[in-house]
Amino acid sequence: MDTMRDRFITTTSRLLDEDPRLALVLAEISRDGFEGAARAHPDRVVNVGIREQLLIGAGAGMALTGMRPVVHTFASFLVERPFEQVKLDLGHQGVGGVLVSAGASYDWPAGGFTHMAPGDVALLDTLDGWTVHVPGHPDEAEALLRRAVTGDDRVYVRLSLQSNRVAHPVTGDGFTPLRQGSAGVVVAVGPTLDNVLAATEGLDVTVLYATTVRPFDAPGLRSAVGAGPTADVVMVEPYLAGTSTAAANDALVDLPHRVLGLGVSREELRRYGQLEEHVAAHGLDPDGLRRRITGFLRG
């Protein structure tokens, strides 16, 4: 199976052929994958070099002319390093674009903390008007990207090397119920789904699958908790733990409830190791998830 990043390259290359409004802005990352597209569309495939602030500014400038920019690099260089430009050049100017990241929270541990971005979604939460997609499979990444490029709004598509075994239909709207239960609701975001399904096997819980986390599907969560007098919700996210707990609390504001936010901890793991070791260290493997989910639901 190809990776989400592989699929992004092939899909975007085709979209550049199909849509003359589309432009691609790179900062060295994935440049080799787009060599063919750059030859075919030299005026719409721009590599600014290792200049991440310029990356966002160039994309925003294209948007001001009526183009639809797709802006791409590692998440830490796309959201964190040029955050002022994301806030001002896109948000303050009221223009749109599609930011597509790679690297996620710790996809390349050998690159060190400079190449890790567990706080990217939480950082975008400080800004207004962003749609955030977190696909869990290359097929989902392609579907969400194709949807994103057709609009004029601000969209973040968060790609990862982590992937679920099978894809699910995605619409870019609400959460998808995959299991029904009565003891609580577990929301699995993007590539956490396989581990959540393994961790909750045999438990009497509802499992919701989320590939679009902003806007947050408050009606979907409210419906999933049912008509009981209280609700227990676990949010499992592949980025900073607790990123969506406030949104879940707001969705259940009229109901006594508890929310447990699971994800990447704030502690920096300085022994970089392998991706799978980071998953386990943050308690996002099936065993770690089951211990914390069952402990919470018994509480």
Protein backbone atom coordinates (compact mmCIF):
# COMPACT_ATOMS: atom_id res chain seq x y z
CA MET A 1 0.00 0.00 0.00
CA ASP A 2 1.28 3.48 -0.78
CA THR A 3 1.61 6.02 2.00
CA MET A 4 -0.62 9.06 2.46
CA ARG A 5 2.24 11.24 1.26
CA ASP A 6 2.69 9.09 -1.85
CA ARG A 7 -1.02 9.42 -2.57
CA PHE A 8 -0.88 13.17 -2.03
CA ILE A 9 1.84 13.46 -4.66
CA THR A 10 0.06 11.38 -7.30
CA THR A 11 -3.35 12.95 -6.62
CA THR A 12 -2.09 16.53 -6.63
CA SER A 13 -0.13 15.93 -9.83
CA ARG A 14 -3.35 14.79 -11.51
CA LEU A 15 -5.32 17.68 -10.07
CA LEU A 16 -2.81 20.15 -11.48
CA ASP A 17 -3.53 18.67 -14.92
CA GLU A 18 -7.28 18.94 -14.41
CA ASP A 19 -7.72 22.33 -12.71
CA PRO A 20 -5.96 25.44 -14.08
CA ARG A 21 -6.85 27.35 -10.91
CA LEU A 22 -4.74 25.02 -8.75
CA ALA A 23 -1.18 25.85 -7.72
CA LEU A 24 1.36 23.96 -5.61
CA VAL A 25 3.87 25.66 -3.31
CA LEU A 26 6.74 23.60 -1.87
CA ALA A 27 9.67 24.24 0.46
CA GLU A 28 12.01 21.48 -0.77
CA ILE A 29 10.07 18.69 0.98
CA SER A 30 8.59 16.24 -1.61
CA ARG A 31 10.22 18.20 -4.43
CA ASP A 32 11.48 15.03 -6.14
CA GLY A 33 7.97 13.58 -6.23
CA PHE A 34 6.68 16.60 -8.13
CA GLU A 35 9.39 16.84 -10.78
CA GLY A 36 6.97 15.75 -13.51
CA ALA A 37 4.30 18.18 -12.38
CA ALA A 38 6.85 21.01 -12.25
CA ARG A 39 7.89 20.33 -15.85
CA ALA A 40 4.27 20.21 -16.98
CA HIS A 41 3.17 23.30 -15.04
CA PRO A 42 6.24 25.46 -14.34
CA ASP A 43 4.06 28.51 -13.65
CA ARG A 44 1.93 26.70 -11.05
CA VAL A 45 4.46 24.52 -9.21
CA VAL A 46 6.74 26.74 -7.14
CA ASN A 47 9.54 25.60 -4.83
CA VAL A 48 10.59 28.48 -2.55
CA GLY A 49 13.43 26.56 -0.90
CA ILE A 50 13.87 26.26 2.84
CA ARG A 51 11.87 29.42 3.52
CA GLU A 52 8.74 28.39 5.37
CA GLN A 53 7.48 31.91 6.06
CA LEU A 54 7.76 32.64 2.33
CA LEU A 55 5.99 29.34 1.64
CA ILE A 56 2.84 30.58 3.36
CA GLY A 57 3.17 34.11 2.04
CA ALA A 58 3.54 32.93 -1.56
CA GLY A 59 0.48 30.71 -1.20
CA ALA A 60 -1.54 33.57 0.25
CA GLY A 61 -0.45 35.84 -2.58
CA MET A 62 -1.63 33.29 -5.12
CA ALA A 63 -4.96 33.06 -3.30
CA LEU A 64 -5.35 36.84 -3.55
CA THR A 65 -5.19 36.50 -7.35
CA GLY A 66 -7.98 33.89 -7.37
CA MET A 67 -5.83 30.76 -7.46
CA ARG A 68 -6.29 27.81 -5.12
CA PRO A 69 -2.90 27.12 -3.49
CA VAL A 70 -1.91 23.75 -2.08
CA VAL A 71 0.96 24.39 0.34
CA HIS A 72 3.08 21.49 1.54
CA THR A 73 5.94 20.58 3.87
CA PHE A 74 6.46 18.78 7.20
CA ALA A 75 3.89 19.72 9.85
CA SER A 76 6.45 21.40 12.10
CA PHE A 77 7.53 23.65 9.21
CA LEU A 78 4.01 24.22 7.87
CA VAL A 79 2.12 25.22 11.02
CA GLU A 80 4.58 25.94 13.82
CA ARG A 81 7.51 27.74 12.18
CA PRO A 82 5.46 30.14 9.98
CA PHE A 83 2.51 30.47 12.36
CA GLU A 84 2.50 34.28 12.13
CA GLN A 85 2.10 34.03 8.35
CA VAL A 86 -0.67 31.44 8.72
CA LYS A 87 -2.45 33.82 11.09
CA LEU A 88 -1.95 37.01 9.07
CA ASP A 89 -1.29 36.19 5.41
CA LEU A 90 -4.17 33.73 5.22
CA GLY A 91 -6.49 34.43 8.14
CA HIS A 92 -6.20 38.21 8.51
CA GLN A 93 -6.37 38.75 4.76
CA GLY A 94 -9.41 36.49 4.55
CA VAL A 95 -8.05 34.19 1.85
CA GLY A 96 -8.06 30.43 1.64
CA GLY A 97 -5.66 27.65 0.84
CA VAL A 98 -5.01 23.98 1.48
CA LEU A 99 -2.14 23.23 3.85
CA VAL A 100 -1.03 19.60 3.48
CA SER A 101 1.49 18.35 6.01
CA ALA A 102 3.67 15.28 6.32
CA GLY A 103 5.56 13.97 9.33
CA ALA A 104 2.66 14.22 11.79
CA SER A 105 3.55 13.90 15.49
CA TYR A 106 6.59 11.62 15.34
CA ASP A 107 6.65 9.85 11.96
CA TRP A 108 10.40 10.35 11.59
CA PRO A 109 11.84 10.02 15.09
CA ALA A 110 15.43 10.10 13.82
CA GLY A 111 14.80 13.66 12.66
CA GLY A 112 14.43 14.75 16.27
CA PHE A 113 12.02 17.15 17.91
CA THR A 114 12.50 19.74 15.16
CA HIS A 115 10.61 17.38 12.84
CA MET A 116 7.81 16.52 15.28
CA ALA A 117 4.57 18.48 15.55
CA PRO A 118 2.14 17.03 18.09
CA GLY A 119 0.77 20.51 18.79
CA ASP A 120 -0.21 21.51 15.24
CA VAL A 121 -3.98 21.01 15.53
CA ALA A 122 -4.08 22.68 18.94
CA LEU A 123 -2.19 25.66 17.49
CA LEU A 124 -4.64 26.00 14.59
CA ASP A 125 -7.44 25.92 17.17
CA THR A 126 -6.37 29.41 18.20
CA LEU A 127 -7.45 30.68 14.77
CA ASP A 128 -10.91 31.07 13.28
CA GLY A 129 -12.32 29.38 10.23
CA TRP A 130 -10.07 26.36 9.71
CA THR A 131 -11.29 22.95 8.56
CA VAL A 132 -8.99 20.17 9.78
CA HIS A 133 -8.88 16.73 8.15
CA VAL A 134 -6.98 13.83 9.74
CA PRO A 135 -7.26 10.87 7.36
CA GLY A 136 -6.45 7.38 8.57
CA HIS A 137 -5.74 5.76 5.19
CA PRO A 138 -4.34 6.88 1.80
CA ASP A 139 -7.76 6.44 0.16
CA GLU A 140 -9.27 8.78 2.75
CA ALA A 141 -6.46 11.26 2.25
CA GLU A 142 -7.16 11.36 -1.49
CA ALA A 143 -10.91 11.84 -0.99
CA LEU A 144 -10.43 14.63 1.54
CA LEU A 145 -7.81 16.37 -0.60
CA ARG A 146 -10.06 16.30 -3.65
CA ARG A 147 -12.84 17.83 -1.57
CA ALA A 148 -10.53 20.48 -0.12
CA VAL A 149 -9.21 21.86 -3.41
CA THR A 150 -12.68 22.61 -4.75
CA GLY A 151 -13.45 25.32 -2.20
CA ASP A 152 -12.09 28.71 -1.21
CA ASP A 153 -11.78 28.19 2.54
CA ARG A 154 -8.82 27.42 4.78
CA VAL A 155 -8.16 23.68 5.11
CA TYR A 156 -5.47 21.69 6.88
CA VAL A 157 -4.92 18.08 5.76
CA ARG A 158 -2.73 16.20 8.24
CA LEU A 159 -0.96 13.22 6.66
CA SER A 160 0.89 10.49 8.52
CA LEU A 161 2.93 7.36 7.92
CA GLN A 162 0.59 5.65 10.38
CA SER A 163 -2.36 4.11 8.58
CA ASN A 164 -5.33 1.88 9.33
CA ARG A 165 -5.62 -1.39 7.45
CA VAL A 166 -8.80 -0.45 5.57
CA ALA A 167 -10.33 2.81 4.43
CA HIS A 168 -13.78 4.05 5.39
CA PRO A 169 -16.05 6.33 3.35
CA VAL A 170 -15.36 9.97 4.19
CA THR A 171 -17.44 13.03 3.42
CA GLY A 172 -15.51 15.71 5.26
CA ASP A 173 -18.46 16.23 7.59
CA GLY A 174 -19.38 14.27 10.73
CA PHE A 175 -18.18 11.29 12.72
CA THR A 176 -18.94 7.74 11.54
CA PRO A 177 -20.37 5.20 14.03
CA LEU A 178 -18.56 1.85 13.75
CA ARG A 179 -19.72 0.11 16.95
CA GLN A 180 -22.65 0.60 19.28
CA GLY A 181 -22.53 0.23 23.05
CA SER A 182 -24.00 1.64 26.24
CA ALA A 183 -21.05 2.09 28.62
CA GLY A 184 -19.45 5.08 26.92
CA VAL A 185 -18.34 6.63 23.64
CA VAL A 186 -14.82 6.40 22.24
CA VAL A 187 -13.90 8.74 19.37
CA ALA A 188 -10.97 7.47 17.29
CA VAL A 189 -9.31 10.12 15.15
CA GLY A 190 -7.61 9.17 11.88
CA PRO A 191 -4.81 6.60 12.16
CA THR A 192 -5.66 5.72 15.78
CA LEU A 193 -8.69 3.70 14.65
CA ASP A 194 -7.14 0.23 14.33
CA ASN A 195 -5.60 0.45 17.79
CA VAL A 196 -8.86 1.77 19.27
CA LEU A 197 -10.85 -1.07 17.72
CA ALA A 198 -8.38 -3.61 19.11
CA ALA A 199 -8.36 -1.93 22.51
CA THR A 200 -12.16 -1.86 22.80
CA GLU A 201 -12.81 -5.38 21.50
CA GLY A 202 -15.48 -6.93 23.73
CA LEU A 203 -16.23 -3.69 25.57
CA ASP A 204 -19.77 -2.30 25.64
CA VAL A 205 -18.84 1.02 24.06
CA THR A 206 -19.79 3.05 21.01
CA VAL A 207 -16.87 3.77 18.69
CA LEU A 208 -17.01 6.82 16.43
CA TYR A 209 -14.49 7.36 13.66
CA ALA A 210 -13.39 10.92 12.91
CA THR A 211 -11.40 12.04 9.87
CA THR A 212 -12.60 15.65 10.08
CA VAL A 213 -12.10 17.14 13.53
CA ARG A 214 -12.76 20.81 12.77
CA PRO A 215 -15.52 21.74 12.61
CA PHE A 216 -16.15 19.37 15.51
CA ASP A 217 -19.18 17.15 15.04
CA ALA A 218 -21.05 18.21 18.18
CA PRO A 219 -24.44 16.85 17.00
CA GLY A 220 -22.85 13.50 16.15
CA LEU A 221 -21.27 13.16 19.57
CA ARG A 222 -24.44 14.28 21.32
CA SER A 223 -26.44 11.70 19.40
CA ALA A 224 -23.94 8.94 20.18
CA VAL A 225 -24.10 9.42 23.95
CA GLY A 226 -27.86 8.83 23.79
CA ALA A 227 -30.62 9.90 26.10
CA GLY A 228 -29.08 8.80 29.38
CA PRO A 229 -28.69 11.15 32.35
CA THR A 230 -24.86 11.21 32.08
CA ALA A 231 -22.16 10.50 29.51
CA ASP A 232 -18.58 9.23 29.44
CA VAL A 233 -16.49 10.12 26.38
CA VAL A 234 -12.92 9.20 25.43
CA MET A 235 -11.19 11.19 22.70
CA VAL A 236 -8.23 9.34 21.12
CA GLU A 237 -6.20 11.69 18.93
CA PRO A 238 -2.84 11.17 17.16
CA TYR A 239 -1.59 14.58 18.30
CA LEU A 240 -1.48 16.47 21.59
CA ALA A 241 -3.62 14.81 24.25
CA GLY A 242 -6.67 16.86 25.14
CA THR A 243 -6.77 18.89 21.93
CA SER A 244 -10.50 18.23 21.46
CA THR A 245 -11.66 17.88 25.06
CA ALA A 246 -12.96 21.46 25.12
CA ALA A 247 -14.96 20.84 21.94
CA ALA A 248 -16.39 17.64 23.43
CA ASN A 249 -17.27 19.45 26.64
CA ASP A 250 -19.04 22.17 24.67
CA ALA A 251 -21.00 19.53 22.74
CA LEU A 252 -22.26 18.05 26.03
CA VAL A 253 -22.71 21.29 27.95
CA ASP A 254 -26.33 20.49 28.82
CA LEU A 255 -25.51 17.01 30.15
CA PRO A 256 -23.48 15.83 33.17
CA HIS A 257 -20.47 14.15 31.60
CA ARG A 258 -16.81 13.16 31.83
CA VAL A 259 -14.26 13.44 29.01
CA LEU A 260 -10.88 11.70 28.85
CA GLY A 261 -8.43 13.05 26.29
CA LEU A 262 -5.82 10.56 25.08
CA GLY A 263 -3.05 11.42 22.66
CA VAL A 264 0.57 12.52 22.55
CA SER A 265 1.82 13.71 25.93
CA ARG A 266 3.60 17.02 26.45
CA GLU A 267 6.71 15.21 27.66
CA GLU A 268 9.48 15.28 25.07
CA LEU A 269 10.87 11.80 24.44
CA ARG A 270 14.57 12.43 23.85
CA ARG A 271 15.49 8.85 22.96
CA TYR A 272 14.07 9.01 19.49
CA GLY A 273 13.74 5.26 18.81
CA GLN A 274 11.21 4.05 16.24
CA LEU A 275 7.70 5.20 15.41
CA GLU A 276 6.09 2.17 17.06
CA GLU A 277 8.03 2.85 20.26
CA HIS A 278 6.61 6.36 20.38
CA VAL A 279 3.09 5.01 19.92
CA ALA A 280 3.60 2.68 22.89
CA ALA A 281 5.38 5.30 25.02
CA HIS A 282 2.40 7.64 24.68
CA GLY A 283 -0.02 4.83 25.55
CA LEU A 284 -1.61 4.79 22.10
CA ASP A 285 -0.98 1.10 21.39
CA PRO A 286 -3.87 -1.34 21.99
CA ASP A 287 -2.68 -2.41 25.46
CA GLY A 288 -2.10 1.13 26.65
CA LEU A 289 -5.43 2.32 25.30
CA ARG A 290 -7.37 -0.56 26.83
CA ARG A 291 -5.87 0.03 30.28
CA ARG A 292 -6.73 3.71 30.26
CA ILE A 293 -10.15 3.37 28.64
CA THR A 294 -11.31 0.61 31.00
CA GLY A 295 -9.87 2.42 34.00
CA PHE A 296 -11.76 5.57 33.07
CA LEU A 297 -15.05 3.81 32.42
CA ARG A 298 -14.84 2.00 35.78
CA GLY A 299 -14.15 5.26 37.60
